[in-house]
Amino acid sequence: MTSQSQGIQQLLQAEKRAKDKLEEAKKRKGKRLKQAKEEATAEIDHYRLQREKEFRTKQTNVMGSQGNLSAKIEEQTTETVRNLTSSYHRNMETMMKKLLSTICDISPEIHPNFRHEV
């Protein structure tokens, strides 16, 4: 009977060692997965930064010319507004006089289609 108990004890100890080794293997696997995930994240971040840098370079090349274009358009708009304003101030007095003279200077005439019947 003692030999049976010793055999059972040995089996229990072997089972415990196997369980400990299994737990240790699971922990190592978890650490490896975590490390692989961190490495993948670092690689993804590096790739993303590289692509963003390329994008910014291309965007600067394209938008740089558009920036100059928008500045030129802004300048032309300002010039046009300035010209219109100065034209308004130059011609306002003359146009007001013409408008008032047309409205106020009435010369009564008989319409050509009017028939006077007596």
N, C-alpha and C. Protein backbone atom coordinates (compact mmCIF):
# COMPACT_ATOMS: atom_id res chain seq x y z
N MET A 1 0.80 -1.17 0.00
CA MET A 1 0.00 0.00 0.00
C MET A 1 0.86 1.27 0.00
N THR A 2 1.95 1.21 0.71
CA THR A 2 2.85 2.35 0.72
C THR A 2 3.42 2.59 -0.67
N SER A 3 3.66 1.54 -1.36
CA SER A 3 4.20 1.73 -2.69
C SER A 3 3.14 2.35 -3.58
N GLN A 4 1.88 2.01 -3.36
CA GLN A 4 0.79 2.64 -4.12
C GLN A 4 0.69 4.12 -3.77
N SER A 5 0.80 4.46 -2.49
CA SER A 5 0.74 5.85 -2.08
C SER A 5 1.93 6.61 -2.62
N GLN A 6 3.10 5.96 -2.60
CA GLN A 6 4.27 6.64 -3.16
C GLN A 6 4.07 6.86 -4.65
N GLY A 7 3.52 5.91 -5.35
CA GLY A 7 3.25 6.04 -6.78
C GLY A 7 2.26 7.17 -7.06
N ILE A 8 1.23 7.22 -6.21
CA ILE A 8 0.23 8.29 -6.36
C ILE A 8 0.89 9.64 -6.09
N GLN A 9 1.73 9.70 -5.06
CA GLN A 9 2.43 10.94 -4.72
C GLN A 9 3.33 11.37 -5.89
N GLN A 10 4.02 10.40 -6.47
CA GLN A 10 4.90 10.72 -7.60
C GLN A 10 4.07 11.23 -8.79
N LEU A 11 2.94 10.59 -9.01
CA LEU A 11 2.07 11.04 -10.10
C LEU A 11 1.55 12.45 -9.85
N LEU A 12 1.16 12.71 -8.61
CA LEU A 12 0.67 14.05 -8.26
C LEU A 12 1.77 15.09 -8.44
N GLN A 13 2.99 14.71 -8.00
CA GLN A 13 4.12 15.64 -8.15
C GLN A 13 4.44 15.86 -9.63
N ALA A 14 4.41 14.80 -10.40
CA ALA A 14 4.67 14.92 -11.84
C ALA A 14 3.60 15.78 -12.49
N GLU A 15 2.36 15.58 -12.06
CA GLU A 15 1.26 16.39 -12.60
C GLU A 15 1.44 17.85 -12.23
N LYS A 16 1.89 18.10 -10.99
CA LYS A 16 2.11 19.46 -10.54
C LYS A 16 3.25 20.11 -11.34
N ARG A 17 4.34 19.36 -11.58
CA ARG A 17 5.46 19.89 -12.36
C ARG A 17 5.01 20.19 -13.79
N ALA A 18 4.22 19.29 -14.36
CA ALA A 18 3.71 19.51 -15.72
C ALA A 18 2.83 20.74 -15.77
N LYS A 19 1.99 20.88 -14.73
CA LYS A 19 1.11 22.05 -14.66
C LYS A 19 1.93 23.33 -14.53
N ASP A 20 2.99 23.29 -13.70
CA ASP A 20 3.86 24.46 -13.53
C ASP A 20 4.57 24.80 -14.86
N LYS A 21 5.06 23.76 -15.54
CA LYS A 21 5.73 23.99 -16.82
C LYS A 21 4.74 24.56 -17.85
N LEU A 22 3.52 24.06 -17.82
CA LEU A 22 2.49 24.56 -18.73
C LEU A 22 2.19 26.03 -18.44
N GLU A 23 2.07 26.39 -17.17
CA GLU A 23 1.82 27.79 -16.78
C GLU A 23 2.99 28.67 -17.20
N GLU A 24 4.20 28.15 -17.00
CA GLU A 24 5.39 28.91 -17.38
C GLU A 24 5.42 29.11 -18.90
N ALA A 25 5.07 28.07 -19.65
CA ALA A 25 5.04 28.17 -21.11
C ALA A 25 3.98 29.18 -21.55
N LYS A 26 2.83 29.18 -20.87
CA LYS A 26 1.77 30.15 -21.19
C LYS A 26 2.26 31.57 -20.93
N LYS A 27 2.98 31.76 -19.81
CA LYS A 27 3.50 33.09 -19.49
C LYS A 27 4.51 33.54 -20.54
N ARG A 28 5.41 32.61 -20.95
CA ARG A 28 6.40 32.95 -21.98
C ARG A 28 5.71 33.29 -23.29
N LYS A 29 4.68 32.52 -23.62
CA LYS A 29 3.93 32.77 -24.85
C LYS A 29 3.26 34.15 -24.79
N GLY A 30 2.67 34.47 -23.63
CA GLY A 30 2.04 35.78 -23.44
C GLY A 30 3.05 36.90 -23.58
N LYS A 31 4.25 36.70 -22.98
CA LYS A 31 5.30 37.72 -23.10
C LYS A 31 5.74 37.87 -24.55
N ARG A 32 5.91 36.73 -25.26
CA ARG A 32 6.32 36.79 -26.65
C ARG A 32 5.27 37.50 -27.50
N LEU A 33 3.98 37.20 -27.24
CA LEU A 33 2.91 37.87 -27.99
C LEU A 33 2.91 39.38 -27.71
N LYS A 34 3.10 39.73 -26.45
CA LYS A 34 3.12 41.15 -26.08
C LYS A 34 4.30 41.85 -26.75
N GLN A 35 5.47 41.18 -26.74
CA GLN A 35 6.65 41.75 -27.37
C GLN A 35 6.44 41.88 -28.88
N ALA A 36 5.86 40.86 -29.49
CA ALA A 36 5.60 40.91 -30.94
C ALA A 36 4.62 42.03 -31.26
N LYS A 37 3.62 42.20 -30.40
CA LYS A 37 2.65 43.27 -30.61
C LYS A 37 3.32 44.63 -30.50
N GLU A 38 4.20 44.81 -29.52
CA GLU A 38 4.91 46.08 -29.36
C GLU A 38 5.81 46.35 -30.57
N GLU A 39 6.50 45.30 -31.05
CA GLU A 39 7.37 45.47 -32.22
C GLU A 39 6.54 45.83 -33.45
N ALA A 40 5.39 45.18 -33.61
CA ALA A 40 4.52 45.48 -34.75
C ALA A 40 4.00 46.91 -34.66
N THR A 41 3.62 47.33 -33.47
CA THR A 41 3.14 48.70 -33.28
C THR A 41 4.23 49.70 -33.61
N ALA A 42 5.46 49.42 -33.15
CA ALA A 42 6.58 50.31 -33.45
C ALA A 42 6.83 50.37 -34.96
N GLU A 43 6.77 49.23 -35.61
CA GLU A 43 6.98 49.18 -37.06
C GLU A 43 5.88 49.94 -37.80
N ILE A 44 4.65 49.77 -37.34
CA ILE A 44 3.52 50.49 -37.95
C ILE A 44 3.68 51.99 -37.76
N ASP A 45 4.07 52.41 -36.55
CA ASP A 45 4.27 53.83 -36.30
C ASP A 45 5.38 54.39 -37.19
N HIS A 46 6.46 53.65 -37.33
CA HIS A 46 7.56 54.09 -38.18
C HIS A 46 7.08 54.23 -39.64
N TYR A 47 6.33 53.25 -40.11
CA TYR A 47 5.80 53.28 -41.48
C TYR A 47 4.85 54.46 -41.66
N ARG A 48 3.98 54.67 -40.68
CA ARG A 48 3.02 55.77 -40.75
C ARG A 48 3.75 57.11 -40.81
N LEU A 49 4.77 57.28 -39.97
CA LEU A 49 5.52 58.54 -39.97
C LEU A 49 6.21 58.76 -41.32
N GLN A 50 6.75 57.69 -41.86
CA GLN A 50 7.41 57.79 -43.16
C GLN A 50 6.41 58.21 -44.24
N ARG A 51 5.24 57.58 -44.27
CA ARG A 51 4.23 57.90 -45.28
C ARG A 51 3.69 59.33 -45.07
N GLU A 52 3.51 59.74 -43.82
CA GLU A 52 3.04 61.10 -43.55
C GLU A 52 4.06 62.13 -44.02
N LYS A 53 5.34 61.81 -43.83
CA LYS A 53 6.40 62.71 -44.28
C LYS A 53 6.36 62.84 -45.80
N GLU A 54 6.20 61.71 -46.50
CA GLU A 54 6.10 61.74 -47.96
C GLU A 54 4.87 62.54 -48.39
N PHE A 55 3.75 62.33 -47.68
CA PHE A 55 2.51 63.05 -48.00
C PHE A 55 2.71 64.55 -47.82
N ARG A 56 3.32 64.94 -46.69
CA ARG A 56 3.54 66.37 -46.45
C ARG A 56 4.44 66.98 -47.52
N THR A 57 5.44 66.22 -47.96
CA THR A 57 6.32 66.72 -49.01
C THR A 57 5.54 66.95 -50.30
N LYS A 58 4.73 65.95 -50.68
CA LYS A 58 3.92 66.10 -51.90
C LYS A 58 2.91 67.22 -51.74
N GLN A 59 2.30 67.31 -50.56
CA GLN A 59 1.31 68.35 -50.31
C GLN A 59 1.95 69.73 -50.39
N THR A 60 3.15 69.85 -49.85
CA THR A 60 3.84 71.14 -49.91
C THR A 60 4.14 71.52 -51.36
N ASN A 61 4.56 70.53 -52.15
CA ASN A 61 4.83 70.80 -53.57
C ASN A 61 3.58 71.27 -54.29
N VAL A 62 2.46 70.60 -54.03
CA VAL A 62 1.20 70.96 -54.71
C VAL A 62 0.61 72.23 -54.12
N MET A 63 0.53 72.29 -52.81
CA MET A 63 -0.11 73.43 -52.15
C MET A 63 0.74 74.68 -52.23
N GLY A 64 2.06 74.50 -52.38
CA GLY A 64 2.92 75.67 -52.51
C GLY A 64 2.52 76.48 -53.72
N SER A 65 2.29 75.82 -54.84
CA SER A 65 1.88 76.53 -56.03
C SER A 65 0.47 77.08 -55.87
N GLN A 66 -0.38 76.35 -55.18
CA GLN A 66 -1.74 76.85 -54.93
C GLN A 66 -1.70 78.04 -53.98
N GLY A 67 -0.77 78.02 -53.03
CA GLY A 67 -0.62 79.15 -52.11
C GLY A 67 -0.26 80.41 -52.87
N ASN A 68 0.66 80.31 -53.82
CA ASN A 68 1.02 81.45 -54.65
C ASN A 68 -0.16 81.90 -55.49
N LEU A 69 -0.90 80.94 -55.99
CA LEU A 69 -2.07 81.25 -56.81
C LEU A 69 -3.12 81.98 -55.98
N SER A 70 -3.37 81.53 -54.77
CA SER A 70 -4.37 82.19 -53.93
C SER A 70 -3.91 83.60 -53.55
N ALA A 71 -2.62 83.79 -53.33
CA ALA A 71 -2.12 85.13 -53.04
C ALA A 71 -2.31 86.04 -54.25
N LYS A 72 -2.07 85.50 -55.45
CA LYS A 72 -2.24 86.28 -56.67
C LYS A 72 -3.71 86.65 -56.87
N ILE A 73 -4.61 85.70 -56.62
CA ILE A 73 -6.05 85.96 -56.75
C ILE A 73 -6.48 87.02 -55.74
N GLU A 74 -5.99 86.91 -54.53
CA GLU A 74 -6.32 87.89 -53.49
C GLU A 74 -5.86 89.29 -53.91
N GLU A 75 -4.67 89.37 -54.47
CA GLU A 75 -4.14 90.65 -54.93
C GLU A 75 -4.98 91.23 -56.06
N GLN A 76 -5.38 90.38 -57.01
CA GLN A 76 -6.21 90.83 -58.13
C GLN A 76 -7.57 91.30 -57.63
N THR A 77 -8.14 90.59 -56.68
CA THR A 77 -9.43 90.98 -56.12
C THR A 77 -9.33 92.33 -55.44
N THR A 78 -8.29 92.51 -54.65
CA THR A 78 -8.10 93.79 -53.96
C THR A 78 -7.95 94.92 -54.97
N GLU A 79 -7.20 94.69 -56.04
CA GLU A 79 -7.01 95.70 -57.08
C GLU A 79 -8.33 96.04 -57.77
N THR A 80 -9.12 95.02 -58.07
CA THR A 80 -10.42 95.24 -58.72
C THR A 80 -11.34 96.05 -57.82
N VAL A 81 -11.39 95.71 -56.55
CA VAL A 81 -12.24 96.45 -55.60
C VAL A 81 -11.76 97.90 -55.51
N ARG A 82 -10.47 98.10 -55.47
CA ARG A 82 -9.92 99.45 -55.41
C ARG A 82 -10.30 100.25 -56.66
N ASN A 83 -10.21 99.62 -57.83
CA ASN A 83 -10.58 100.30 -59.09
C ASN A 83 -12.06 100.65 -59.11
N LEU A 84 -12.90 99.70 -58.69
CA LEU A 84 -14.34 99.96 -58.67
C LEU A 84 -14.69 101.08 -57.71
N THR A 85 -14.05 101.10 -56.55
CA THR A 85 -14.32 102.15 -55.56
C THR A 85 -13.91 103.51 -56.10
N SER A 86 -12.73 103.57 -56.70
CA SER A 86 -12.29 104.87 -57.24
C SER A 86 -13.18 105.31 -58.39
N SER A 87 -13.62 104.38 -59.24
CA SER A 87 -14.53 104.72 -60.34
C SER A 87 -15.85 105.23 -59.79
N TYR A 88 -16.33 104.60 -58.74
CA TYR A 88 -17.58 105.05 -58.10
C TYR A 88 -17.44 106.48 -57.62
N HIS A 89 -16.36 106.77 -56.90
CA HIS A 89 -16.18 108.12 -56.35
C HIS A 89 -15.99 109.16 -57.45
N ARG A 90 -15.32 108.78 -58.55
CA ARG A 90 -15.12 109.72 -59.66
C ARG A 90 -16.42 110.05 -60.38
N ASN A 91 -17.24 109.01 -60.58
CA ASN A 91 -18.43 109.18 -61.43
C ASN A 91 -19.72 109.42 -60.66
N MET A 92 -19.71 109.34 -59.36
CA MET A 92 -20.93 109.46 -58.58
C MET A 92 -21.60 110.83 -58.79
N GLU A 93 -20.85 111.88 -58.70
CA GLU A 93 -21.40 113.23 -58.81
C GLU A 93 -22.03 113.46 -60.18
N THR A 94 -21.34 113.05 -61.22
CA THR A 94 -21.85 113.23 -62.58
C THR A 94 -23.13 112.44 -62.80
N MET A 95 -23.13 111.19 -62.34
CA MET A 95 -24.31 110.34 -62.53
C MET A 95 -25.50 110.86 -61.73
N MET A 96 -25.27 111.37 -60.55
CA MET A 96 -26.37 111.93 -59.76
C MET A 96 -26.98 113.14 -60.46
N LYS A 97 -26.14 113.98 -61.03
CA LYS A 97 -26.64 115.15 -61.76
C LYS A 97 -27.47 114.72 -62.97
N LYS A 98 -26.98 113.74 -63.73
CA LYS A 98 -27.72 113.26 -64.90
C LYS A 98 -29.04 112.65 -64.48
N LEU A 99 -29.02 111.85 -63.43
CA LEU A 99 -30.23 111.21 -62.96
C LEU A 99 -31.25 112.24 -62.49
N LEU A 100 -30.83 113.21 -61.71
CA LEU A 100 -31.73 114.25 -61.22
C LEU A 100 -32.26 115.11 -62.36
N SER A 101 -31.42 115.42 -63.32
CA SER A 101 -31.88 116.25 -64.45
C SER A 101 -32.91 115.49 -65.28
N THR A 102 -32.71 114.17 -65.45
CA THR A 102 -33.67 113.38 -66.21
C THR A 102 -35.01 113.32 -65.49
N ILE A 103 -34.97 113.19 -64.20
CA ILE A 103 -36.20 113.07 -63.43
C ILE A 103 -36.89 114.42 -63.25
N CYS A 104 -36.13 115.44 -62.96
CA CYS A 104 -36.73 116.73 -62.61
C CYS A 104 -37.04 117.62 -63.82
N ASP A 105 -36.31 117.51 -64.88
CA ASP A 105 -36.56 118.37 -66.05
C ASP A 105 -37.60 117.72 -66.93
N ILE A 106 -38.83 118.12 -66.70
CA ILE A 106 -39.94 117.55 -67.45
C ILE A 106 -40.41 118.58 -68.46
N SER A 107 -40.53 118.17 -69.66
CA SER A 107 -41.11 119.06 -70.67
C SER A 107 -42.41 118.42 -71.13
N PRO A 108 -43.52 119.02 -70.76
CA PRO A 108 -44.80 118.42 -71.12
C PRO A 108 -45.05 118.50 -72.62
N GLU A 109 -45.43 117.38 -73.19
CA GLU A 109 -45.72 117.30 -74.62
C GLU A 109 -46.94 116.42 -74.79
N ILE A 110 -47.62 116.62 -75.87
CA ILE A 110 -48.77 115.78 -76.18
C ILE A 110 -48.24 114.55 -76.89
N HIS A 111 -48.77 113.46 -76.47
CA HIS A 111 -48.34 112.21 -77.06
C HIS A 111 -48.78 112.14 -78.51
N PRO A 112 -47.94 111.59 -79.41
CA PRO A 112 -48.29 111.58 -80.83
C PRO A 112 -49.55 110.79 -81.13
N ASN A 113 -49.92 109.88 -80.32
CA ASN A 113 -51.12 109.07 -80.59
C ASN A 113 -52.41 109.72 -80.05
N PHE A 114 -52.26 110.83 -79.40
CA PHE A 114 -53.43 111.49 -78.85
C PHE A 114 -54.21 112.17 -79.96
N ARG A 115 -55.53 111.91 -79.97
CA ARG A 115 -56.40 112.54 -80.96
C ARG A 115 -57.31 113.51 -80.24
N HIS A 116 -57.24 114.69 -80.68
CA HIS A 116 -58.09 115.71 -80.09
C HIS A 116 -59.35 115.85 -80.94
N GLU A 117 -60.45 115.50 -80.41
CA GLU A 117 -61.71 115.58 -81.16
C GLU A 117 -62.55 116.70 -80.57
N VAL A 118 -62.95 117.53 -81.44
CA VAL A 118 -63.79 118.66 -81.00
C VAL A 118 -65.16 118.58 -81.60
